[in-house]
C-alpha cells in the first residue's frame, strides 16, 4: 500500500524545504493541526498578540533577509485582523506567505464558527489567494502560493492560502510530496535585449545631468548599482525602499539635495521603483523636460504614470552590468560637472543638518526637541544597524536625521504602528545586528502589546518613543486649517513603566541632559542581548518638514504643496 502523510505535516515539511525557519503566528483551533506540525518539524513559532503584528514581523523578516516571510493566522477575525499587514506587504512588494484555516467542508456555508470567505477579502491585495479543498492539491497549491509571493508571475508580494480543518487532517500520497518539482527553483529572470541596452547606454552618454532613483527592485543589485554609479557618474537618490543600500560616503549620493536634483536632471533613471506620490508621479511639473530611463524586472515598474523614453525589462543586476560595460567601453568622460555640484550641495546641507540636530533647543517648558533625541541616537547607531522609523510627524524627523545599512518604515501605504513588530521580525532575521526602532507615541500605541512578545522572545531590540502626547502633524493641520484641535491630543503616558511591567528595561527622559546617559545605559544592555525601551518626552511644538509641506492636508493634484502648485501651473488650472 502506498504510504501517505497528513496534510498538515506536508505543509510543515514543504515550508521547511523552502528554507522557512520560523513562522510568526497567533494560535486558533482552525490552524492547530498546522501549528503542531510546524513544531514537530522544528520550525520556530513566534507567537504574537495580534495577527496584524504577525504579518508585520514576517514582512520585516523578509525585507531584511531577502527570503520568504511566513505568518500563520486563524480563521475569521484572525484573517480580518491580518488584512492591514497584508495590504502593507502588497503596497511594499514584500514576499510574505499568509497561511490560515477554515471550518471543515461539511460545515461550509451553514453558519459554522468563524465561517467566512477569506479569499474574497484578500484577493485584491495578494498575488495568490486560494482555499485548498482536497489533500492531493496541498503540495502543488502551496508551491504555487510561494512562487507567486516570490514574483514568479510578476511583482513580489503577499500570497494567501487557507485549508479546511478536515483537509488538514486528510492524507496526501507520498508520491505527491516527494515527486519531481517538489521544491520550487529560483525565480526566473529574463535579460533586457542587447539593442535596448545599446539605446539606454546612448541615452546616458548623451545626457549631462543624470539622476538615478532606486527602489525595491534594486535591493538585490547593490554591487552592480554601485559600479554603474561610478562608471556613469550619475547622481543618486535613495528612497525608503533602498535607504542605506548605497552609503552616504559614495560620491554619487546627493540625498540632501533631493528637490534641487529632481528639478535640474535632464535624464532620470528609475531602478525597480514606481513613480508614486513620493516622486511626484514623474510629472513634468516637477521633473521639467527630463527624459526617463526605466529599469525593472517587472513591467509594472516601467509603465506606471510615465513610461520611459527607453525601458529595460529584465534582471536588474544584469541590466546594470550591461550598461556599465557599454559606458566603460565608450570612453565616457571620467566626471560630470553637475554631479560635482550636486555632491557639494549635498555635503554642505548635510553638514548644516548635523549642526542643527545637535543644537536643537528645548521648548519653553523644557521638553526635548525631536532632532536632539535623534542626534544622540545617531552618535551611537551602528552603521550596520537595522533601523526602523515609524510614526507621522516623528517619521519625518527620523527619515532625515538617521541612516543605516538597512532601513524600514511604513512604506507607500503610510502604515504606521509597526515599529515594535518590525523590530522583532528584523531581530529574528538578522541575529547579531543592532536593531533600533524609533517611533512616535501615537504610532507606538497600535502594537504596544507586542512589547510582551519582545520580552517573551528575548529579542534584542531597542524601542525609542518620541512622546509628545499628540498626533502632532494633525494637531498642526487642524490649528492652521480650522482654528481648533479636535480629537488629536493624547496623554503623555508613561510607556517606560508599561515596558517595565512586562519585564523590559526602560528609561524615561524629560530633558536634553538626560538623553545621552540613558542611551549609553540602554545600548550597553542591548549589546548584552536584552530588549530596551526609551520613553522621551518631546515637544509637540517642533514642526517637521512633512507638517510644513502640505502632506497632512492632502492637496488635490500632488502630495506636497509646492508640487501641487507646480502641477496646477503646468495644467493651467485655477487654485
Protein backbone atom coordinates (compact mmCIF):
# COMPACT_ATOMS: atom_id res chain seq x y z
CA UNK A 1 0.00 0.00 0.00
CA UNK A 2 1.31 3.45 -0.90
CA UNK A 3 2.39 5.46 2.14
CA UNK A 4 0.75 8.78 2.92
CA UNK A 5 1.37 11.84 5.08
CA UNK A 6 -1.14 14.05 6.87
CA UNK A 7 -1.71 17.33 5.02
CA UNK A 8 -0.69 19.47 7.98
CA UNK A 9 2.64 17.66 8.10
CA UNK A 10 3.04 18.14 4.36
CA UNK A 11 2.57 21.89 4.82
CA UNK A 12 5.24 21.99 7.52
CA UNK A 13 7.70 19.86 5.56
CA UNK A 14 7.12 21.87 2.41
CA UNK A 15 7.81 25.13 4.21
CA UNK A 16 11.00 23.67 5.67
CA UNK A 17 12.07 22.53 2.20
CA UNK A 18 11.66 26.13 1.03
CA UNK A 19 14.06 27.28 3.72
CA UNK A 20 11.47 28.59 6.18
CA UNK A 21 12.98 28.54 9.67
CA UNK A 22 10.26 30.35 11.60
CA UNK A 23 6.62 31.34 11.36
CA UNK A 24 5.02 34.35 13.08
CA UNK A 25 1.64 33.28 14.38
CA UNK A 26 -1.30 33.54 16.77
CA UNK A 27 -2.96 30.27 17.71
CA UNK A 28 -6.53 29.14 16.99
CA UNK A 29 -8.48 25.93 16.54
CA UNK A 30 -8.75 26.24 12.76
CA UNK A 31 -4.95 26.15 12.39
CA UNK A 32 -3.93 23.92 15.29
CA UNK A 33 -3.18 20.94 13.03
CA UNK A 34 -0.67 23.08 11.11
CA UNK A 35 0.64 24.70 14.30
CA UNK A 36 1.59 21.39 15.89
CA UNK A 37 3.02 20.04 12.63
CA UNK A 38 5.31 23.08 12.40
CA UNK A 39 6.55 22.39 15.93
CA UNK A 40 7.14 18.72 15.08
CA UNK A 41 9.12 19.78 12.01
CA UNK A 42 11.39 22.00 14.12
CA UNK A 43 10.15 25.29 12.64
CA UNK A 44 10.21 28.05 15.25
CA UNK A 45 6.81 29.53 16.10
CA UNK A 46 6.99 33.16 17.20
CA UNK A 47 3.65 33.58 18.96
CA UNK A 48 2.33 37.15 18.91
CA UNK A 49 -0.50 39.16 20.46
CA UNK A 50 -2.26 40.33 17.27
CA UNK A 51 -2.42 38.84 13.77
CA UNK A 52 -1.59 42.16 12.14
CA UNK A 53 1.70 42.05 14.03
CA UNK A 54 2.36 38.51 12.81
CA UNK A 55 2.25 39.75 9.22
CA UNK A 56 4.33 42.82 10.09
CA UNK A 57 7.00 40.57 11.60
CA UNK A 58 7.01 38.29 8.57
CA UNK A 59 7.26 41.41 6.37
CA UNK A 60 10.28 42.76 8.26
CA UNK A 61 11.98 39.36 8.31
CA UNK A 62 11.55 39.08 4.54
CA UNK A 63 12.75 42.62 3.89
CA UNK A 64 15.89 42.15 6.00
CA UNK A 65 16.79 38.63 4.87
CA UNK A 66 15.62 38.68 1.25
CA UNK A 67 13.80 35.40 1.93
CA UNK A 68 10.13 34.44 2.21
CA UNK A 69 8.37 35.59 5.39
CA UNK A 70 5.54 33.44 6.76
CA UNK A 71 2.59 34.26 9.02
CA UNK A 72 0.03 31.78 10.34
CA UNK A 73 -3.34 33.21 11.44
CA UNK A 74 -6.59 31.60 12.43
CA UNK A 75 -9.95 31.87 10.66
CA UNK A 76 -12.42 34.75 10.68
CA UNK A 77 -11.18 37.59 12.89
CA UNK A 78 -7.67 36.18 12.67
CA UNK A 79 -7.67 36.92 8.95
CA UNK A 80 -9.51 40.23 9.19
CA UNK A 81 -7.00 41.36 11.83
CA UNK A 82 -4.19 40.43 9.45
CA UNK A 83 -5.58 42.40 6.49
CA UNK A 84 -3.73 45.63 7.26
CA UNK A 85 -0.43 43.77 7.39
CA UNK A 86 -1.24 42.01 4.12
CA UNK A 87 -2.13 45.33 2.48
CA UNK A 88 1.15 46.84 3.65
CA UNK A 89 3.18 43.96 2.19
CA UNK A 90 1.17 44.32 -1.02
CA UNK A 91 1.97 48.01 -1.39
CA UNK A 92 5.61 47.49 -0.40
CA UNK A 93 6.02 44.46 -2.69
CA UNK A 94 7.41 42.16 0.02
CA UNK A 95 7.28 38.33 -0.34
CA UNK A 96 5.10 37.12 2.53
CA UNK A 97 3.01 33.94 2.75
CA UNK A 98 -0.08 34.05 4.97
CA UNK A 99 -1.48 30.66 5.94
CA UNK A 100 -4.89 30.17 7.54
CA UNK A 101 -7.67 27.66 8.09
CA UNK A 102 -11.43 27.46 7.57
CA UNK A 103 -14.14 25.22 9.07
CA UNK A 104 -14.41 21.61 7.87
CA UNK A 105 -16.08 21.30 4.47
CA UNK A 106 -19.29 19.59 5.75
CA UNK A 107 -19.95 22.77 7.76
CA UNK A 108 -19.32 25.14 4.86
CA UNK A 109 -21.98 27.87 4.45
CA UNK A 110 -24.01 26.52 7.40
CA UNK A 111 -23.10 29.22 9.92
CA UNK A 112 -20.09 27.47 11.40
CA UNK A 113 -17.82 29.25 13.86
CA UNK A 114 -15.65 31.79 12.01
CA UNK A 115 -17.02 30.65 8.65
CA UNK A 116 -16.37 33.30 6.03
CA UNK A 117 -14.75 33.60 2.61
CA UNK A 118 -11.28 34.87 3.33
CA UNK A 119 -10.42 34.75 -0.35
CA UNK A 120 -12.92 37.43 -1.31
CA UNK A 121 -11.45 39.71 1.36
CA UNK A 122 -7.78 39.38 0.42
CA UNK A 123 -7.89 38.77 -3.34
CA UNK A 124 -7.22 42.39 -4.35
CA UNK A 125 -4.16 42.73 -2.09
CA UNK A 126 -2.42 39.41 -2.79
CA UNK A 127 -0.53 37.79 -5.65
CA UNK A 128 -2.32 34.49 -4.98
CA UNK A 129 -5.41 33.69 -2.90
CA UNK A 130 -6.98 30.25 -2.74
CA UNK A 131 -8.71 27.75 -0.47
CA UNK A 132 -7.39 24.20 -0.96
CA UNK A 133 -10.31 21.76 -0.89
CA UNK A 134 -8.51 18.46 -1.46
CA UNK A 135 -5.50 16.95 0.26
CA UNK A 136 -3.94 15.91 -3.05
CA UNK A 137 -3.73 19.59 -4.05
CA UNK A 138 -1.90 20.69 -0.90
CA UNK A 139 1.71 20.35 -2.17
CA UNK A 140 1.17 21.95 -5.57
CA UNK A 141 -1.01 24.80 -4.31
CA UNK A 142 1.39 25.63 -1.51
CA UNK A 143 4.22 25.71 -4.05
CA UNK A 144 2.13 27.94 -6.30
CA UNK A 145 1.44 30.35 -3.44
CA UNK A 146 5.15 30.56 -2.56
CA UNK A 147 6.14 31.07 -6.19
CA UNK A 148 3.59 33.87 -6.57
CA UNK A 149 4.86 35.63 -3.44
CA UNK A 150 8.41 35.44 -4.78
CA UNK A 151 7.42 37.12 -8.04
CA UNK A 152 7.37 34.21 -10.47
CA UNK A 153 4.42 35.75 -12.30
CA UNK A 154 5.07 39.45 -11.76
CA UNK A 155 5.61 41.65 -8.74
CA UNK A 156 6.75 40.23 -5.44
CA UNK A 157 4.16 40.46 -2.69
CA UNK A 158 1.91 38.58 -0.30
CA UNK A 159 0.21 35.28 -1.05
CA UNK A 160 -2.69 33.86 0.94
CA UNK A 161 -3.65 30.21 1.27
CA UNK A 162 -6.09 28.50 3.62
CA UNK A 163 -7.14 24.93 4.31
CA UNK A 164 -10.35 23.47 5.74
CA UNK A 165 -9.66 21.71 9.03
CA UNK A 166 -10.68 18.32 7.62
CA UNK A 167 -8.30 18.77 4.68
CA UNK A 168 -5.52 19.49 7.17
CA UNK A 169 -6.22 16.09 8.74
CA UNK A 170 -6.52 14.20 5.44
CA UNK A 171 -3.67 12.16 3.98
CA UNK A 172 -1.52 13.06 0.99
CA UNK A 173 0.11 10.23 -1.01
CA UNK A 174 3.87 10.31 -0.56
CA UNK A 175 4.35 10.29 -4.33
CA UNK A 176 2.80 13.77 -4.48
CA UNK A 177 5.15 15.03 -1.79
CA UNK A 178 8.48 13.70 -2.99
CA UNK A 179 7.95 13.58 -6.74
CA UNK A 180 9.51 15.82 -9.42
CA UNK A 181 9.30 19.54 -8.78
CA UNK A 182 8.82 19.06 -5.05
CA UNK A 183 10.78 22.26 -4.32
CA UNK A 184 10.35 25.47 -6.33
CA UNK A 185 13.50 26.55 -8.17
CA UNK A 186 14.91 30.08 -8.05
CA UNK A 187 12.83 32.87 -9.55
CA UNK A 188 13.48 33.01 -13.31
CA UNK A 189 14.63 36.34 -14.70
CA UNK A 190 14.82 37.44 -18.31
CA UNK A 191 17.51 39.71 -19.73
CA UNK A 192 16.92 43.04 -21.39
CA UNK A 193 17.59 42.81 -25.16
CA UNK A 194 21.02 43.92 -26.35
CA UNK A 195 19.52 46.55 -28.66
CA UNK A 196 17.59 48.11 -25.76
CA UNK A 197 20.78 48.19 -23.68
CA UNK A 198 22.56 49.95 -26.54
CA UNK A 199 19.77 52.56 -26.73
CA UNK A 200 19.88 53.08 -22.97
CA UNK A 201 23.67 53.48 -22.95
CA UNK A 202 23.43 56.05 -25.75
CA UNK A 203 20.75 57.94 -23.83
CA UNK A 204 23.01 58.12 -20.78
CA UNK A 205 26.07 59.12 -22.81
CA UNK A 206 24.16 61.96 -24.45
CA UNK A 207 22.88 63.37 -21.15
CA UNK A 208 24.69 65.77 -18.84
CA UNK A 209 22.65 65.71 -15.62
CA UNK A 210 21.84 62.08 -14.90
CA UNK A 211 19.85 61.24 -11.77
CA UNK A 212 19.36 57.64 -10.57
CA UNK A 213 16.45 56.86 -8.23
CA UNK A 214 16.40 53.34 -6.83
CA UNK A 215 13.56 51.31 -5.34
CA UNK A 216 12.67 47.80 -4.22
CA UNK A 217 13.93 46.14 -7.37
CA UNK A 218 17.46 47.47 -6.85
CA UNK A 219 17.98 45.82 -3.46
CA UNK A 220 19.41 42.54 -4.81
CA UNK A 221 21.74 44.50 -7.12
CA UNK A 222 23.67 46.77 -4.73
CA UNK A 223 27.10 45.88 -6.10
CA UNK A 224 26.03 46.30 -9.72
CA UNK A 225 24.36 49.62 -8.87
CA UNK A 226 27.47 50.93 -7.14
CA UNK A 227 29.60 50.12 -10.19
CA UNK A 228 27.03 51.71 -12.52
CA UNK A 229 27.07 54.92 -10.49
CA UNK A 230 30.86 55.02 -10.68
CA UNK A 231 31.02 54.38 -14.41
CA UNK A 232 28.10 56.61 -15.42
CA UNK A 233 28.99 59.40 -12.97
CA UNK A 234 25.30 59.73 -12.14
CA UNK A 235 23.83 61.43 -9.11
CA UNK A 236 21.96 59.07 -6.80
CA UNK A 237 18.84 59.35 -4.66
CA UNK A 238 17.64 56.53 -2.48
CA UNK A 239 14.05 56.16 -1.29
CA UNK A 240 12.53 54.48 1.75
CA UNK A 241 12.77 51.22 -0.20
CA UNK A 242 16.55 51.42 -0.57
CA UNK A 243 17.75 53.83 2.13
CA UNK A 244 21.26 52.83 3.23
CA UNK A 245 21.95 50.42 0.35
CA UNK A 246 24.43 52.89 -1.19
CA UNK A 247 26.36 54.55 1.66
CA UNK A 248 26.42 58.29 2.12
CA UNK A 249 30.18 58.19 1.58
CA UNK A 250 29.66 57.20 -2.07
CA UNK A 251 30.45 60.10 -4.38
CA UNK A 252 27.11 59.85 -6.18
CA UNK A 253 24.92 60.21 -3.10
CA UNK A 254 23.11 63.57 -3.02
CA UNK A 255 20.16 62.89 -0.70
CA UNK A 256 20.28 66.31 0.95
CA UNK A 257 19.89 67.99 -2.45
CA UNK A 258 16.91 65.85 -3.47
CA UNK A 259 14.49 68.58 -4.55
CA UNK A 260 17.10 70.53 -6.48
CA UNK A 261 18.31 67.44 -8.33
CA UNK A 262 14.78 66.44 -9.34
CA UNK A 263 14.25 69.85 -10.91
CA UNK A 264 17.58 70.01 -12.74
CA UNK A 265 18.14 66.47 -14.06
CA UNK A 266 17.95 66.00 -17.82
CA UNK A 267 17.81 62.21 -17.51
CA UNK A 268 16.08 60.34 -14.69
CA UNK A 269 16.80 56.62 -14.32
CA UNK A 270 14.39 54.68 -12.12
CA UNK A 271 15.57 51.26 -10.99
CA UNK A 272 12.89 48.93 -9.64
CA UNK A 273 10.93 51.98 -8.50
CA UNK A 274 7.40 53.12 -9.16
CA UNK A 275 6.74 56.79 -9.84
CA UNK A 276 4.30 57.19 -6.97
CA UNK A 277 3.36 60.18 -4.81
CA UNK A 278 6.84 60.30 -3.27
CA UNK A 279 8.28 61.06 -6.72
CA UNK A 280 5.54 63.45 -7.87
CA UNK A 281 4.17 60.70 -10.16
CA UNK A 282 7.01 61.58 -12.54
CA UNK A 283 5.17 64.76 -13.51
CA UNK A 284 6.77 67.27 -15.92
CA UNK A 285 5.63 69.92 -13.45
CA UNK A 286 8.45 68.73 -11.16
CA UNK A 287 10.88 66.94 -13.48
CA UNK A 288 10.56 69.54 -16.23
CA UNK A 289 11.90 68.34 -19.60
CA UNK A 290 13.88 65.38 -18.24
CA UNK A 291 13.86 62.17 -20.21
CA UNK A 292 13.28 58.89 -18.40
CA UNK A 293 15.01 55.51 -18.49
CA UNK A 294 13.03 52.87 -16.58
CA UNK A 295 14.75 49.64 -15.46
CA UNK A 296 12.93 46.82 -13.67
CA UNK A 297 12.38 43.09 -13.52
CA UNK A 298 8.58 43.59 -13.59
CA UNK A 299 6.61 45.51 -16.20
CA UNK A 300 4.50 47.32 -13.60
CA UNK A 301 7.56 49.35 -12.59
CA UNK A 302 8.11 50.50 -16.17
CA UNK A 303 4.63 51.65 -17.11
CA UNK A 304 3.16 53.49 -14.12
CA UNK A 305 2.41 57.20 -14.64
CA UNK A 306 5.27 57.89 -17.02
CA UNK A 307 6.77 55.19 -19.29
CA UNK A 308 10.41 55.72 -20.09
CA UNK A 309 11.92 57.06 -23.29
CA UNK A 310 13.75 53.74 -23.06
CA UNK A 311 12.53 50.80 -20.93
CA UNK A 312 14.64 47.83 -19.84
CA UNK A 313 12.69 44.79 -18.65
CA UNK A 314 14.83 42.05 -17.12
CA UNK A 315 17.12 41.19 -14.26
CA UNK A 316 18.23 44.47 -12.69
CA UNK A 317 21.80 43.45 -11.85
CA UNK A 318 22.36 42.06 -15.34
CA UNK A 319 20.95 45.21 -16.95
CA UNK A 320 23.15 47.47 -14.83
CA UNK A 321 26.24 45.42 -15.58
CA UNK A 322 25.42 45.55 -19.29
CA UNK A 323 25.08 49.32 -19.15
CA UNK A 324 28.30 49.69 -17.14
CA UNK A 325 30.23 47.60 -19.67
CA UNK A 326 28.93 49.67 -22.57
CA UNK A 327 29.60 53.01 -20.88
CA UNK A 328 33.11 51.96 -19.81
CA UNK A 329 33.92 50.91 -23.35
CA UNK A 330 32.51 54.11 -24.87
CA UNK A 331 35.09 56.39 -23.27
CA UNK A 332 32.52 58.38 -21.28
CA UNK A 333 34.19 61.32 -19.52
CA UNK A 334 35.53 60.42 -16.10
CA UNK A 335 33.40 63.05 -14.38
CA UNK A 336 30.32 65.14 -14.90
CA UNK A 337 30.34 68.74 -13.68
CA UNK A 338 26.74 68.56 -12.49
CA UNK A 339 27.40 65.59 -10.21
CA UNK A 340 30.20 67.53 -8.56
CA UNK A 341 27.90 70.46 -7.99
CA UNK A 342 25.14 68.30 -6.54
CA UNK A 343 27.57 66.41 -4.29
CA UNK A 344 29.00 69.68 -2.96
CA UNK A 345 25.48 70.95 -2.28
CA UNK A 346 24.61 67.69 -0.54
CA UNK A 347 27.71 67.82 1.67
CA UNK A 348 27.06 71.46 2.58
CA UNK A 349 23.45 70.77 3.52
CA UNK A 350 24.38 67.59 5.40
CA UNK A 351 26.93 69.50 7.44
CA UNK A 352 24.35 72.14 8.33
CA UNK A 353 21.89 69.38 9.26
CA UNK A 354 24.43 67.78 11.63
CA UNK A 355 24.92 71.08 13.39
CA UNK A 356 21.19 71.84 13.61
CA UNK A 357 20.39 68.41 15.05
CA UNK A 358 22.93 68.78 17.83
CA UNK A 359 21.89 72.36 18.60
CA UNK A 360 18.11 71.84 18.54
CA UNK A 361 16.75 73.65 21.61
CA UNK A 362 14.35 72.53 24.30
CA UNK A 363 10.96 74.25 24.14
CA UNK A 364 9.69 76.86 26.60
CA UNK A 365 8.63 74.12 29.01
CA UNK A 366 12.00 72.37 28.82
CA UNK A 367 10.77 69.46 26.69
CA UNK A 368 13.10 67.62 24.34
CA UNK A 369 13.35 68.61 20.67
CA UNK A 370 12.91 65.50 18.46
CA UNK A 371 16.04 66.41 16.50
CA UNK A 372 18.16 66.46 19.66
CA UNK A 373 16.89 62.99 20.57
CA UNK A 374 17.74 61.74 17.09
CA UNK A 375 21.16 63.40 17.17
CA UNK A 376 22.03 61.46 20.32
CA UNK A 377 20.81 58.20 18.76
CA UNK A 378 22.74 58.95 15.58
CA UNK A 379 26.00 59.24 17.52
CA UNK A 380 25.55 55.72 18.91
CA UNK A 381 23.91 53.90 15.99
CA UNK A 382 25.93 51.12 14.40
CA UNK A 383 26.39 51.75 10.64
CA UNK A 384 25.33 48.13 10.09
CA UNK A 385 22.19 48.50 12.20
CA UNK A 386 18.68 47.63 11.13
CA UNK A 387 16.81 50.90 11.61
CA UNK A 388 13.02 51.14 11.76
CA UNK A 389 11.32 54.55 11.68
CA UNK A 390 7.62 54.83 12.44
CA UNK A 391 5.02 57.49 13.04
CA UNK A 392 3.64 60.55 11.29
CA UNK A 393 5.41 63.70 12.42
CA UNK A 394 8.28 61.84 14.09
CA UNK A 395 8.90 59.72 10.99
CA UNK A 396 9.58 62.94 9.09
CA UNK A 397 12.26 63.94 11.61
CA UNK A 398 13.79 60.44 11.70
CA UNK A 399 13.86 59.96 7.93
CA UNK A 400 16.11 63.00 7.60
CA UNK A 401 18.26 62.54 10.69
CA UNK A 402 19.07 58.82 10.73
CA UNK A 403 20.63 56.40 8.29
CA UNK A 404 21.91 52.84 8.38
CA UNK A 405 22.62 49.95 6.04
CA UNK A 406 19.07 48.58 6.41
CA UNK A 407 16.10 50.90 6.84
CA UNK A 408 12.39 50.09 7.16
CA UNK A 409 9.42 52.42 7.54
CA UNK A 410 5.62 52.42 6.99
CA UNK A 411 6.12 52.48 3.21
CA UNK A 412 3.80 53.80 0.49
CA UNK A 413 0.70 52.68 2.38
CA UNK A 414 1.67 55.00 5.23
CA UNK A 415 1.02 52.07 7.54
CA UNK A 416 2.05 53.49 10.90
CA UNK A 417 2.11 51.39 14.06
CA UNK A 418 4.62 48.75 13.05
CA UNK A 419 7.82 49.72 14.89
CA UNK A 420 7.79 47.03 17.57
CA UNK A 421 6.67 44.13 15.31
CA UNK A 422 9.13 45.20 12.61
CA UNK A 423 11.91 45.31 15.19
CA UNK A 424 11.18 41.80 16.42
CA UNK A 425 10.92 40.40 12.89
CA UNK A 426 14.21 42.07 11.94
CA UNK A 427 15.96 40.76 15.05
CA UNK A 428 14.89 37.21 14.23
CA UNK A 429 16.08 37.55 10.64
CA UNK A 430 19.38 39.27 11.43
CA UNK A 431 20.82 37.88 14.68
CA UNK A 432 23.91 39.74 15.80
CA UNK A 433 22.95 43.03 14.16
CA UNK A 434 21.87 46.03 16.16
CA UNK A 435 18.12 46.64 15.76
CA UNK A 436 16.75 50.07 16.69
CA UNK A 437 13.18 51.27 16.17
CA UNK A 438 12.22 54.91 16.63
CA UNK A 439 8.54 55.79 16.77
CA UNK A 440 6.02 58.42 17.71
CA UNK A 441 3.80 57.76 20.72
CA UNK A 442 0.62 57.56 18.66
CA UNK A 443 2.11 55.02 16.29
CA UNK A 444 3.60 53.01 19.16
CA UNK A 445 0.12 52.50 20.60
CA UNK A 446 -1.11 50.47 17.63
CA UNK A 447 1.03 47.47 18.54
CA UNK A 448 2.21 48.33 22.05
CA UNK A 449 1.22 44.90 23.41
CA UNK A 450 3.92 43.32 21.26
CA UNK A 451 6.34 44.55 23.96
CA UNK A 452 5.15 41.40 25.72
CA UNK A 453 6.16 39.34 22.68
CA UNK A 454 9.57 41.01 22.51
CA UNK A 455 10.23 40.15 26.16
CA UNK A 456 8.99 36.57 25.87
CA UNK A 457 11.10 36.05 22.76
CA UNK A 458 14.12 37.69 24.41
CA UNK A 459 14.57 39.71 21.22
CA UNK A 460 17.48 42.17 21.47
CA UNK A 461 15.83 45.33 20.15
CA UNK A 462 15.73 48.98 21.17
CA UNK A 463 12.43 50.88 21.00
CA UNK A 464 12.67 54.68 21.27
CA UNK A 465 9.40 56.58 21.68
CA UNK A 466 9.05 60.29 20.94
CA UNK A 467 6.28 61.00 23.43
CA UNK A 468 4.68 64.37 22.69
CA UNK A 469 1.15 63.45 23.77
CA UNK A 470 -0.46 64.11 20.41
CA UNK A 471 -0.97 63.25 16.78
CA UNK A 472 1.25 66.26 16.16
CA UNK A 473 1.02 66.61 12.39
CA UNK A 474 -2.79 66.52 12.59
CA UNK A 475 -2.86 68.97 15.50
CA UNK A 476 -0.90 71.46 13.43
CA UNK A 477 -3.10 70.91 10.38
CA UNK A 478 -6.26 71.42 12.46
CA UNK A 479 -4.98 74.63 14.01
CA UNK A 480 -3.84 76.09 10.70
CA UNK A 481 -6.84 74.94 8.63
CA UNK A 482 -9.71 75.02 11.14
CA UNK A 483 -8.51 77.07 14.10
CA UNK A 484 -9.13 74.41 16.74
CA UNK A 485 -7.98 70.98 17.89
CA UNK A 486 -10.46 68.08 17.83
CA UNK A 487 -9.65 64.51 18.88
CA UNK A 488 -5.92 64.63 18.12
CA UNK A 489 -4.44 65.02 21.60
CA UNK A 490 -3.16 62.12 23.70
CA UNK A 491 -1.84 61.86 27.22
CA UNK A 492 1.90 61.65 27.83
CA UNK A 493 1.55 58.15 29.24
CA UNK A 494 4.48 56.51 31.00
CA UNK A 495 5.50 53.96 28.37
CA UNK A 496 8.68 53.16 30.28
CA UNK A 497 6.57 51.98 33.22
CA UNK A 498 4.49 49.90 30.83
CA UNK A 499 7.61 48.26 29.44
CA UNK A 500 8.94 47.53 32.92
CA UNK A 501 5.62 45.87 33.77
CA UNK A 502 6.38 43.34 31.06
CA UNK A 503 9.93 42.82 32.29
CA UNK A 504 11.77 45.10 29.84
CA UNK A 505 14.45 47.50 31.00
CA UNK A 506 13.28 51.03 30.23
CA UNK A 507 14.20 54.67 30.78
CA UNK A 508 12.02 57.80 30.80
CA UNK A 509 13.83 61.02 29.90
CA UNK A 510 12.46 64.55 30.04
CA UNK A 511 15.45 66.86 29.40
CA UNK A 512 18.24 67.06 26.86
CA UNK A 513 20.87 66.37 29.52
CA UNK A 514 19.21 63.04 30.36
CA UNK A 515 19.23 61.61 26.85
CA UNK A 516 22.90 60.68 26.47
CA UNK A 517 23.34 58.85 29.79
CA UNK A 518 20.09 56.92 29.30
CA UNK A 519 21.05 55.90 25.77
CA UNK A 520 24.52 54.80 26.92
CA UNK A 521 22.98 52.53 29.53
CA UNK A 522 20.35 51.24 27.10
CA UNK A 523 22.83 50.48 24.32
CA UNK A 524 25.01 48.58 26.80
CA UNK A 525 22.05 46.42 27.81
CA UNK A 526 21.12 45.94 24.15
CA UNK A 527 24.68 44.87 23.37
CA UNK A 528 24.34 42.25 26.12
CA UNK A 529 21.35 40.78 24.27
CA UNK A 530 18.35 42.23 26.11
CA UNK A 531 15.49 44.38 24.79
CA UNK A 532 15.27 48.00 25.97
CA UNK A 533 12.90 50.96 25.65
CA UNK A 534 13.45 54.72 25.87
CA UNK A 535 10.42 56.95 26.55
CA UNK A 536 11.42 60.52 25.67
CA UNK A 537 9.11 63.45 26.50
CA UNK A 538 9.38 65.57 23.36
CA UNK A 539 7.97 68.92 22.39
CA UNK A 540 4.74 68.94 20.35
CA UNK A 541 5.69 72.42 19.17
CA UNK A 542 8.57 71.25 16.93
CA UNK A 543 7.42 71.31 13.31
CA UNK A 544 8.64 68.58 10.96
CA UNK A 545 9.27 69.05 7.26
CA UNK A 546 6.19 66.95 6.45
CA UNK A 547 3.98 69.15 8.62
CA UNK A 548 5.17 72.17 6.62
CA UNK A 549 4.92 70.53 3.20
CA UNK A 550 1.17 70.11 2.89
CA UNK A 551 1.24 66.32 3.26
CA UNK A 552 -1.25 66.40 6.14
CA UNK A 553 -3.92 68.42 4.36
CA UNK A 554 -3.83 66.32 1.18
CA UNK A 555 -3.57 68.73 -1.78
CA UNK A 556 -5.61 67.91 -4.88
CA UNK A 557 -3.01 67.08 -7.52
CA UNK A 558 0.24 66.25 -5.69
CA UNK A 559 1.22 65.07 -2.22
CA UNK A 560 3.26 68.18 -1.39
CA UNK A 561 2.02 71.76 -1.56
CA UNK A 562 4.95 73.02 -3.65
CA UNK A 563 4.46 70.21 -6.16
CA UNK A 564 0.71 70.79 -6.18
CA UNK A 565 1.24 74.46 -7.06
CA UNK A 566 3.66 73.46 -9.82
CA UNK A 567 1.18 70.88 -11.12
CA UNK A 568 -1.63 73.43 -11.22
CA UNK A 569 0.58 75.85 -13.15
CA UNK A 570 1.57 73.11 -15.60
CA UNK A 571 -2.03 72.02 -16.09
CA UNK A 572 -3.26 75.60 -16.31
CA UNK A 573 -5.98 75.07 -13.71
CA UNK A 574 -7.08 77.70 -11.13
CA UNK A 575 -6.14 77.48 -7.46
